[in-house]
Amino acid sequence: MSEEDFEELSGHIHANRTGLDVYDRHVYPKMFGYKDEFDYYKQISVDRYIMNCKVPVFCMGSVDDQVCDYTVTPFDLIKSKGSPVFLASTKLGGHGCHM
């Protein structure tokens, strides 16, 4: 990482008052070579791998999770025929609430 990139990213991090979205938008794409945050999200998403699971997978989360946005859960894949995934969720709990 160049000194110029480091200075730019440091400015974003120090000015951050909104949460993790600043990292997703400004830090991780540059750090790991993604085009932008949308390319980053697409590449790290588990939906590309769900149907490759060979054993049943139980997933549990909460609708109010601040880190893993419930609205982007791949429900269509989870509900599809042959999906090995069983999803349970609670209305409240936040991130990591069911560990």
C-alpha atoms as a PDB file:
ATOM      1  CA  MET A   1       0.000   0.000   0.000  1.00  0.00           C
ATOM      2  CA  SER A   2       1.406   3.352  -0.954  1.00  0.00           C
ATOM      3  CA  GLU A   3       1.864   6.124   1.594  1.00  0.00           C
ATOM      4  CA  GLU A   4      -0.768   8.139  -0.280  1.00  0.00           C
ATOM      5  CA  ASP A   5      -3.288   5.276  -0.033  1.00  0.00           C
ATOM      6  CA  PHE A   6      -2.464   4.850   3.646  1.00  0.00           C
ATOM      7  CA  GLU A   7      -3.091   8.531   4.340  1.00  0.00           C
ATOM      8  CA  GLU A   8      -6.403   8.460   2.480  1.00  0.00           C
ATOM      9  CA  LEU A   9      -7.608   5.337   4.279  1.00  0.00           C
ATOM     10  CA  SER A  10      -6.454   6.673   7.642  1.00  0.00           C
ATOM     11  CA  GLY A  11      -8.535   9.795   7.058  1.00  0.00           C
ATOM     12  CA  HIS A  12     -11.642   7.720   6.367  1.00  0.00           C
ATOM     13  CA  ILE A  13     -11.094   5.573   9.452  1.00  0.00           C
ATOM     14  CA  HIS A  14     -10.462   8.491  11.802  1.00  0.00           C
ATOM     15  CA  ALA A  15     -13.467  10.423  10.485  1.00  0.00           C
ATOM     16  CA  ASN A  16     -15.747   7.391  10.751  1.00  0.00           C
ATOM     17  CA  ARG A  17     -18.841   7.990  12.860  1.00  0.00           C
ATOM     18  CA  THR A  18     -21.333   5.747  11.058  1.00  0.00           C
ATOM     19  CA  GLY A  19     -20.064   2.186  11.560  1.00  0.00           C
ATOM     20  CA  LEU A  20     -18.517  -0.576   9.490  1.00  0.00           C
ATOM     21  CA  ASP A  21     -19.845   0.631   6.129  1.00  0.00           C
ATOM     22  CA  VAL A  22     -16.906   3.058   5.877  1.00  0.00           C
ATOM     23  CA  TYR A  23     -14.495   0.116   5.992  1.00  0.00           C
ATOM     24  CA  ASP A  24     -16.528  -1.769   3.392  1.00  0.00           C
ATOM     25  CA  ARG A  25     -16.548   1.245   1.092  1.00  0.00           C
ATOM     26  CA  HIS A  26     -13.031   2.619   1.499  1.00  0.00           C
ATOM     27  CA  VAL A  27     -10.705   0.138   3.211  1.00  0.00           C
ATOM     28  CA  TYR A  28     -11.398  -3.478   2.250  1.00  0.00           C
ATOM     29  CA  PRO A  29     -11.788  -2.997  -1.519  1.00  0.00           C
ATOM     30  CA  LYS A  30      -8.396  -1.263  -1.756  1.00  0.00           C
ATOM     31  CA  MET A  31      -6.745  -3.551   0.773  1.00  0.00           C
ATOM     32  CA  PHE A  32      -7.811  -6.755  -0.993  1.00  0.00           C
ATOM     33  CA  GLY A  33      -8.023  -5.590  -4.613  1.00  0.00           C
ATOM     34  CA  TYR A  34     -11.789  -5.383  -5.181  1.00  0.00           C
ATOM     35  CA  LYS A  35     -13.257  -2.837  -7.616  1.00  0.00           C
ATOM     36  CA  ASP A  36     -15.631  -1.363  -5.031  1.00  0.00           C
ATOM     37  CA  GLU A  37     -17.772  -2.390  -2.051  1.00  0.00           C
ATOM     38  CA  PHE A  38     -20.293  -4.140  -4.305  1.00  0.00           C
ATOM     39  CA  ASP A  39     -17.585  -6.320  -5.853  1.00  0.00           C
ATOM     40  CA  TYR A  40     -16.308  -7.010  -2.315  1.00  0.00           C
ATOM     41  CA  TYR A  41     -19.784  -8.076  -1.119  1.00  0.00           C
ATOM     42  CA  LYS A  42     -20.316 -10.301  -4.156  1.00  0.00           C
ATOM     43  CA  GLN A  43     -16.981 -12.056  -3.766  1.00  0.00           C
ATOM     44  CA  ILE A  44     -17.262 -12.733  -0.014  1.00  0.00           C
ATOM     45  CA  SER A  45     -20.908 -13.771  -0.015  1.00  0.00           C
ATOM     46  CA  VAL A  46     -21.672 -17.363   0.979  1.00  0.00           C
ATOM     47  CA  ASP A  47     -24.552 -17.703  -1.480  1.00  0.00           C
ATOM     48  CA  ARG A  48     -22.141 -18.985  -4.147  1.00  0.00           C
ATOM     49  CA  TYR A  49     -21.268 -21.958  -1.924  1.00  0.00           C
ATOM     50  CA  ILE A  50     -24.521 -22.941  -0.192  1.00  0.00           C
ATOM     51  CA  MET A  51     -25.504 -25.653  -2.637  1.00  0.00           C
ATOM     52  CA  ASN A  52     -22.019 -27.206  -2.425  1.00  0.00           C
ATOM     53  CA  CYS A  53     -22.480 -28.186   1.233  1.00  0.00           C
ATOM     54  CA  LYS A  54     -22.577 -31.972   1.533  1.00  0.00           C
ATOM     55  CA  VAL A  55     -23.996 -32.139   5.070  1.00  0.00           C
ATOM     56  CA  PRO A  56     -26.953 -30.345   6.644  1.00  0.00           C
ATOM     57  CA  VAL A  57     -26.073 -26.849   7.879  1.00  0.00           C
ATOM     58  CA  PHE A  58     -27.946 -25.089  10.665  1.00  0.00           C
ATOM     59  CA  CYS A  59     -27.685 -21.286  10.626  1.00  0.00           C
ATOM     60  CA  MET A  60     -29.047 -18.999  13.296  1.00  0.00           C
ATOM     61  CA  GLY A  61     -29.103 -15.234  13.427  1.00  0.00           C
ATOM     62  CA  SER A  62     -31.158 -12.233  14.353  1.00  0.00           C
ATOM     63  CA  VAL A  63     -33.086  -9.804  12.200  1.00  0.00           C
ATOM     64  CA  ASP A  64     -31.485  -6.847  14.020  1.00  0.00           C
ATOM     65  CA  ASP A  65     -27.872  -7.974  13.370  1.00  0.00           C
ATOM     66  CA  GLN A  66     -25.829  -4.829  12.772  1.00  0.00           C
ATOM     67  CA  VAL A  67     -23.049  -6.625  10.865  1.00  0.00           C
ATOM     68  CA  CYS A  68     -24.821  -9.245   8.734  1.00  0.00           C
ATOM     69  CA  ASP A  69     -27.761  -7.503   7.103  1.00  0.00           C
ATOM     70  CA  TYR A  70     -30.746  -9.851   7.256  1.00  0.00           C
ATOM     71  CA  THR A  71     -32.292  -8.301   4.142  1.00  0.00           C
ATOM     72  CA  VAL A  72     -29.553  -9.745   1.919  1.00  0.00           C
ATOM     73  CA  THR A  73     -29.932 -13.318   3.201  1.00  0.00           C
ATOM     74  CA  PRO A  74     -30.238 -15.621   0.147  1.00  0.00           C
ATOM     75  CA  PHE A  75     -33.692 -16.936   1.106  1.00  0.00           C
ATOM     76  CA  ASP A  76     -34.376 -18.177  -2.423  1.00  0.00           C
ATOM     77  CA  LEU A  77     -31.359 -20.501  -2.263  1.00  0.00           C
ATOM     78  CA  ILE A  78     -32.075 -21.619   1.280  1.00  0.00           C
ATOM     79  CA  LYS A  79     -35.680 -22.499   0.357  1.00  0.00           C
ATOM     80  CA  SER A  80     -34.748 -24.202  -2.906  1.00  0.00           C
ATOM     81  CA  LYS A  81     -35.077 -27.946  -3.419  1.00  0.00           C
ATOM     82  CA  GLY A  82     -31.982 -29.782  -2.295  1.00  0.00           C
ATOM     83  CA  SER A  83     -30.665 -26.985  -0.092  1.00  0.00           C
ATOM     84  CA  PRO A  84     -28.788 -28.413   2.890  1.00  0.00           C
ATOM     85  CA  VAL A  85     -29.357 -25.222   4.893  1.00  0.00           C
ATOM     86  CA  PHE A  86     -31.849 -24.790   7.717  1.00  0.00           C
ATOM     87  CA  LEU A  87     -32.192 -21.159   8.853  1.00  0.00           C
ATOM     88  CA  ALA A  88     -33.625 -20.005  12.156  1.00  0.00           C
ATOM     89  CA  SER A  89     -33.757 -16.400  13.247  1.00  0.00           C
ATOM     90  CA  THR A  90     -34.908 -14.280  16.128  1.00  0.00           C
ATOM     91  CA  LYS A  91     -36.305 -10.785  15.963  1.00  0.00           C
ATOM     92  CA  LEU A  92     -33.775  -9.399  18.455  1.00  0.00           C
ATOM     93  CA  GLY A  93     -30.288 -10.304  19.505  1.00  0.00           C
ATOM     94  CA  GLY A  94     -27.731  -8.396  17.480  1.00  0.00           C
ATOM     95  CA  HIS A  95     -24.504  -9.749  16.023  1.00  0.00           C
ATOM     96  CA  GLY A  96     -23.107 -12.887  17.627  1.00  0.00           C
ATOM     97  CA  CYS A  97     -26.093 -13.254  19.941  1.00  0.00           C
ATOM     98  CA  HIS A  98     -26.462 -17.013  19.485  1.00  0.00           C
ATOM     99  CA  MET A  99     -22.893 -18.137  20.024  1.00  0.00           C
END
